[in-house]
C-alpha atoms as a PDB file:
ATOM      1  CA  UNK A   1     105.158  96.010 113.096  1.00  0.00           C
ATOM      2  CA  UNK A   2     106.988  93.971 111.793  1.00  0.00           C
ATOM      3  CA  UNK A   3     103.976  93.009 109.131  1.00  0.00           C
ATOM      4  CA  UNK A   4     103.138  96.603 108.612  1.00  0.00           C
ATOM      5  CA  UNK A   5     106.903  96.935 107.447  1.00  0.00           C
ATOM      6  CA  UNK A   6     106.321  94.162 104.978  1.00  0.00           C
ATOM      7  CA  UNK A   7     103.525  95.523 103.271  1.00  0.00           C
ATOM      8  CA  UNK A   8     105.007  98.988 103.104  1.00  0.00           C
ATOM      9  CA  UNK A   9     108.414  97.629 100.742  1.00  0.00           C
ATOM     10  CA  UNK A  10     105.198  95.268  98.955  1.00  0.00           C
ATOM     11  CA  UNK A  11     103.790  98.895  98.654  1.00  0.00           C
ATOM     12  CA  UNK A  12     107.241 100.841  97.887  1.00  0.00           C
ATOM     13  CA  UNK A  13     108.364  98.038  95.823  1.00  0.00           C
ATOM     14  CA  UNK A  14     104.626  97.902  93.428  1.00  0.00           C
ATOM     15  CA  UNK A  15     105.068 101.573  92.967  1.00  0.00           C
ATOM     16  CA  UNK A  16     108.762 102.254  91.908  1.00  0.00           C
ATOM     17  CA  UNK A  17     108.205  98.678  89.498  1.00  0.00           C
ATOM     18  CA  UNK A  18     104.986 100.303  87.512  1.00  0.00           C
ATOM     19  CA  UNK A  19     106.692 103.970  86.791  1.00  0.00           C
ATOM     20  CA  UNK A  20     109.561 102.670  85.621  1.00  0.00           C
ATOM     21  CA  UNK A  21     108.326  99.515  83.188  1.00  0.00           C
ATOM     22  CA  UNK A  22     105.287  98.301  81.279  1.00  0.00           C
ATOM     23  CA  UNK A  23     104.212  95.259  81.254  1.00  0.00           C
ATOM     24  CA  UNK A  24     101.981  94.308  77.888  1.00  0.00           C
ATOM     25  CA  UNK A  25     101.352  90.644  76.911  1.00  0.00           C
ATOM     26  CA  UNK A  26     104.047  89.552  79.928  1.00  0.00           C
ATOM     27  CA  UNK A  27     106.904  91.449  78.057  1.00  0.00           C
ATOM     28  CA  UNK A  28     108.455  94.388  80.033  1.00  0.00           C
ATOM     29  CA  UNK A  29     109.747  97.901  79.159  1.00  0.00           C
ATOM     30  CA  UNK A  30     111.676  99.959  80.263  1.00  0.00           C
ATOM     31  CA  UNK A  31     109.603 103.985  80.576  1.00  0.00           C
ATOM     32  CA  UNK A  32     111.693 106.867  81.385  1.00  0.00           C
ATOM     33  CA  UNK A  33     110.687 110.410  81.621  1.00  0.00           C
ATOM     34  CA  UNK A  34     113.648 111.587  81.426  1.00  0.00           C
ATOM     35  CA  UNK A  35     116.320 112.231  78.658  1.00  0.00           C
ATOM     36  CA  UNK A  36     120.452 111.887  78.798  1.00  0.00           C
ATOM     37  CA  UNK A  37     121.133 116.439  79.170  1.00  0.00           C
ATOM     38  CA  UNK A  38     121.639 118.246  75.870  1.00  0.00           C
ATOM     39  CA  UNK A  39     124.671 119.083  75.276  1.00  0.00           C
ATOM     40  CA  UNK A  40     126.667 120.258  71.857  1.00  0.00           C
ATOM     41  CA  UNK A  41     125.945 117.755  69.896  1.00  0.00           C
ATOM     42  CA  UNK A  42     123.580 115.464  71.801  1.00  0.00           C
ATOM     43  CA  UNK A  43     124.678 111.670  71.599  1.00  0.00           C
ATOM     44  CA  UNK A  44     120.747 109.334  69.693  1.00  0.00           C
ATOM     45  CA  UNK A  45     119.607 106.775  68.315  1.00  0.00           C
ATOM     46  CA  UNK A  46     118.657 108.059  65.342  1.00  0.00           C
ATOM     47  CA  UNK A  47     114.903 106.368  64.080  1.00  0.00           C
ATOM     48  CA  UNK A  48     112.610 106.420  60.900  1.00  0.00           C
ATOM     49  CA  UNK A  49     109.639 107.552  61.232  1.00  0.00           C
ATOM     50  CA  UNK A  50     106.664 107.779  58.716  1.00  0.00           C
ATOM     51  CA  UNK A  51     104.596 110.803  60.154  1.00  0.00           C
ATOM     52  CA  UNK A  52     101.384 111.025  56.703  1.00  0.00           C
ATOM     53  CA  UNK A  53      98.482 109.774  58.079  1.00  0.00           C
ATOM     54  CA  UNK A  54      98.678 105.507  58.036  1.00  0.00           C
ATOM     55  CA  UNK A  55     102.210 105.236  59.233  1.00  0.00           C
ATOM     56  CA  UNK A  56     103.899 103.968  61.747  1.00  0.00           C
ATOM     57  CA  UNK A  57     103.827 106.709  64.057  1.00  0.00           C
ATOM     58  CA  UNK A  58      99.981 106.069  65.216  1.00  0.00           C
ATOM     59  CA  UNK A  59      98.179 109.493  65.249  1.00  0.00           C
ATOM     60  CA  UNK A  60      99.060 113.155  63.984  1.00  0.00           C
ATOM     61  CA  UNK A  61     101.423 115.090  65.440  1.00  0.00           C
ATOM     62  CA  UNK A  62     101.630 115.887  69.428  1.00  0.00           C
ATOM     63  CA  UNK A  63     102.526 119.667  68.807  1.00  0.00           C
ATOM     64  CA  UNK A  64      99.882 120.556  66.291  1.00  0.00           C
ATOM     65  CA  UNK A  65      97.696 117.782  65.118  1.00  0.00           C
ATOM     66  CA  UNK A  66      99.279 117.762  61.583  1.00  0.00           C
ATOM     67  CA  UNK A  67     100.401 115.423  59.610  1.00  0.00           C
ATOM     68  CA  UNK A  68     103.768 115.957  57.984  1.00  0.00           C
ATOM     69  CA  UNK A  69     104.932 114.178  54.475  1.00  0.00           C
ATOM     70  CA  UNK A  70     107.812 111.780  54.300  1.00  0.00           C
ATOM     71  CA  UNK A  71     109.041 115.119  52.637  1.00  0.00           C
ATOM     72  CA  UNK A  72     109.092 117.486  55.535  1.00  0.00           C
ATOM     73  CA  UNK A  73     111.984 117.820  58.071  1.00  0.00           C
ATOM     74  CA  UNK A  74     110.251 117.168  60.771  1.00  0.00           C
ATOM     75  CA  UNK A  75     111.079 115.154  64.564  1.00  0.00           C
ATOM     76  CA  UNK A  76     109.692 113.298  66.929  1.00  0.00           C
ATOM     77  CA  UNK A  77     111.757 113.522  70.649  1.00  0.00           C
ATOM     78  CA  UNK A  78     112.022 111.251  73.409  1.00  0.00           C
ATOM     79  CA  UNK A  79     109.615 112.201  76.516  1.00  0.00           C
ATOM     80  CA  UNK A  80     112.344 113.642  78.159  1.00  0.00           C
ATOM     81  CA  UNK A  81     113.502 115.706  75.024  1.00  0.00           C
ATOM     82  CA  UNK A  82     110.121 116.734  74.106  1.00  0.00           C
ATOM     83  CA  UNK A  83     109.676 117.838  77.947  1.00  0.00           C
ATOM     84  CA  UNK A  84     105.954 118.697  77.613  1.00  0.00           C
ATOM     85  CA  UNK A  85     106.000 120.257  74.376  1.00  0.00           C
ATOM     86  CA  UNK A  86     108.383 122.877  75.152  1.00  0.00           C
ATOM     87  CA  UNK A  87     110.620 122.282  71.953  1.00  0.00           C
ATOM     88  CA  UNK A  88     107.509 121.649  69.968  1.00  0.00           C
ATOM     89  CA  UNK A  89     107.703 124.211  66.286  1.00  0.00           C
ATOM     90  CA  UNK A  90     111.276 124.470  66.973  1.00  0.00           C
ATOM     91  CA  UNK A  91     114.403 123.801  65.161  1.00  0.00           C
ATOM     92  CA  UNK A  92     117.345 120.943  65.856  1.00  0.00           C
ATOM     93  CA  UNK A  93     120.467 120.267  64.182  1.00  0.00           C
ATOM     94  CA  UNK A  94     121.036 116.699  63.836  1.00  0.00           C
ATOM     95  CA  UNK A  95     124.584 116.026  62.309  1.00  0.00           C
ATOM     96  CA  UNK A  96     125.830 112.285  60.927  1.00  0.00           C
ATOM     97  CA  UNK A  97     128.210 111.785  58.685  1.00  0.00           C
ATOM     98  CA  UNK A  98     129.765 115.535  58.835  1.00  0.00           C
ATOM     99  CA  UNK A  99     127.067 116.378  57.519  1.00  0.00           C
ATOM    100  CA  UNK A 100     124.271 118.615  59.566  1.00  0.00           C
ATOM    101  CA  UNK A 101     120.551 119.183  58.349  1.00  0.00           C
ATOM    102  CA  UNK A 102     118.466 121.384  60.803  1.00  0.00           C
ATOM    103  CA  UNK A 103     114.534 120.023  61.198  1.00  0.00           C
ATOM    104  CA  UNK A 104     111.416 120.774  63.345  1.00  0.00           C
ATOM    105  CA  UNK A 105     110.046 119.437  66.269  1.00  0.00           C
ATOM    106  CA  UNK A 106     106.767 118.055  65.544  1.00  0.00           C
ATOM    107  CA  UNK A 107     105.634 114.930  67.696  1.00  0.00           C
ATOM    108  CA  UNK A 108     106.887 112.871  70.903  1.00  0.00           C
ATOM    109  CA  UNK A 109     107.921 109.235  71.132  1.00  0.00           C
ATOM    110  CA  UNK A 110     106.518 108.730  73.568  1.00  0.00           C
ATOM    111  CA  UNK A 111     108.946 106.611  76.384  1.00  0.00           C
ATOM    112  CA  UNK A 112     105.753 105.952  78.825  1.00  0.00           C
ATOM    113  CA  UNK A 113     103.307 104.300  77.139  1.00  0.00           C
ATOM    114  CA  UNK A 114     102.985 102.337  73.936  1.00  0.00           C
ATOM    115  CA  UNK A 115     101.677  99.043  72.676  1.00  0.00           C
ATOM    116  CA  UNK A 116      98.556 101.033  71.608  1.00  0.00           C
ATOM    117  CA  UNK A 117      96.673 102.567  69.078  1.00  0.00           C
ATOM    118  CA  UNK A 118      97.794 106.335  69.987  1.00  0.00           C
ATOM    119  CA  UNK A 119     101.460 104.102  69.399  1.00  0.00           C
ATOM    120  CA  UNK A 120     101.257 102.630  65.914  1.00  0.00           C
ATOM    121  CA  UNK A 121     101.202  99.262  68.587  1.00  0.00           C
ATOM    122  CA  UNK A 122     104.865  99.807  69.038  1.00  0.00           C
ATOM    123  CA  UNK A 123     106.663  99.614  72.564  1.00  0.00           C
ATOM    124  CA  UNK A 124     107.617 102.993  74.117  1.00  0.00           C
ATOM    125  CA  UNK A 125     110.900 104.564  72.856  1.00  0.00           C
ATOM    126  CA  UNK A 126     113.857 104.692  74.890  1.00  0.00           C
ATOM    127  CA  UNK A 127     115.231 108.297  76.361  1.00  0.00           C
ATOM    128  CA  UNK A 128     117.373 109.279  73.295  1.00  0.00           C
ATOM    129  CA  UNK A 129     115.655 109.014  70.495  1.00  0.00           C
ATOM    130  CA  UNK A 130     115.481 111.546  67.329  1.00  0.00           C
ATOM    131  CA  UNK A 131     112.646 109.904  65.177  1.00  0.00           C
ATOM    132  CA  UNK A 132     112.957 111.731  62.514  1.00  0.00           C
ATOM    133  CA  UNK A 133     111.325 112.417  58.547  1.00  0.00           C
ATOM    134  CA  UNK A 134     113.097 110.230  55.596  1.00  0.00           C
ATOM    135  CA  UNK A 135     113.994 113.862  54.248  1.00  0.00           C
ATOM    136  CA  UNK A 136     115.901 113.890  57.350  1.00  0.00           C
ATOM    137  CA  UNK A 137     118.114 110.591  56.516  1.00  0.00           C
ATOM    138  CA  UNK A 138     118.857 111.211  53.285  1.00  0.00           C
ATOM    139  CA  UNK A 139     121.392 114.452  53.540  1.00  0.00           C
ATOM    140  CA  UNK A 140     123.276 112.337  56.314  1.00  0.00           C
ATOM    141  CA  UNK A 141     124.417 109.935  54.447  1.00  0.00           C
ATOM    142  CA  UNK A 142     123.017 107.650  56.990  1.00  0.00           C
ATOM    143  CA  UNK A 143     123.425 105.254  58.712  1.00  0.00           C
ATOM    144  CA  UNK A 144     126.634 106.437  60.448  1.00  0.00           C
ATOM    145  CA  UNK A 145     127.571 105.889  63.896  1.00  0.00           C
ATOM    146  CA  UNK A 146     129.113 110.145  64.054  1.00  0.00           C
ATOM    147  CA  UNK A 147     125.689 111.622  64.727  1.00  0.00           C
ATOM    148  CA  UNK A 148     124.046 113.714  67.413  1.00  0.00           C
ATOM    149  CA  UNK A 149     121.558 117.215  67.944  1.00  0.00           C
ATOM    150  CA  UNK A 150     121.721 119.713  69.679  1.00  0.00           C
ATOM    151  CA  UNK A 151     119.331 123.227  70.336  1.00  0.00           C
ATOM    152  CA  UNK A 152     119.674 124.886  66.697  1.00  0.00           C
END
């Protein structure tokens, strides 16, 4: 009985660890399947992404398999906010420094996988990422501490 309980505990621990962490070349990365609830505004970490071919985002956009220019107002959202493509081609309003910009969701910033060619060899995204094109950053006057986003 004790041997079975121990074996079950080891298997349970392995399942929990494999679901919560991604190990790549000895490095552990936290993975997320959920993001914080969306409110108005939702606090996030705004990051810069290059959406054109050869950019740092890996492949083409998840929503339509297309690349975008840095001049397009587009974003990628963390896995939880991307929500199985439910926000594809929908607009969100991004706020920072007293300014607002409306951008279209075209991609997922994968919070469950990373460090491979499909993900531009970048680690998994955190669960609160809005990965934005340069066109989104410029009118916001970023960097700034007062930023967030909401569904448009």
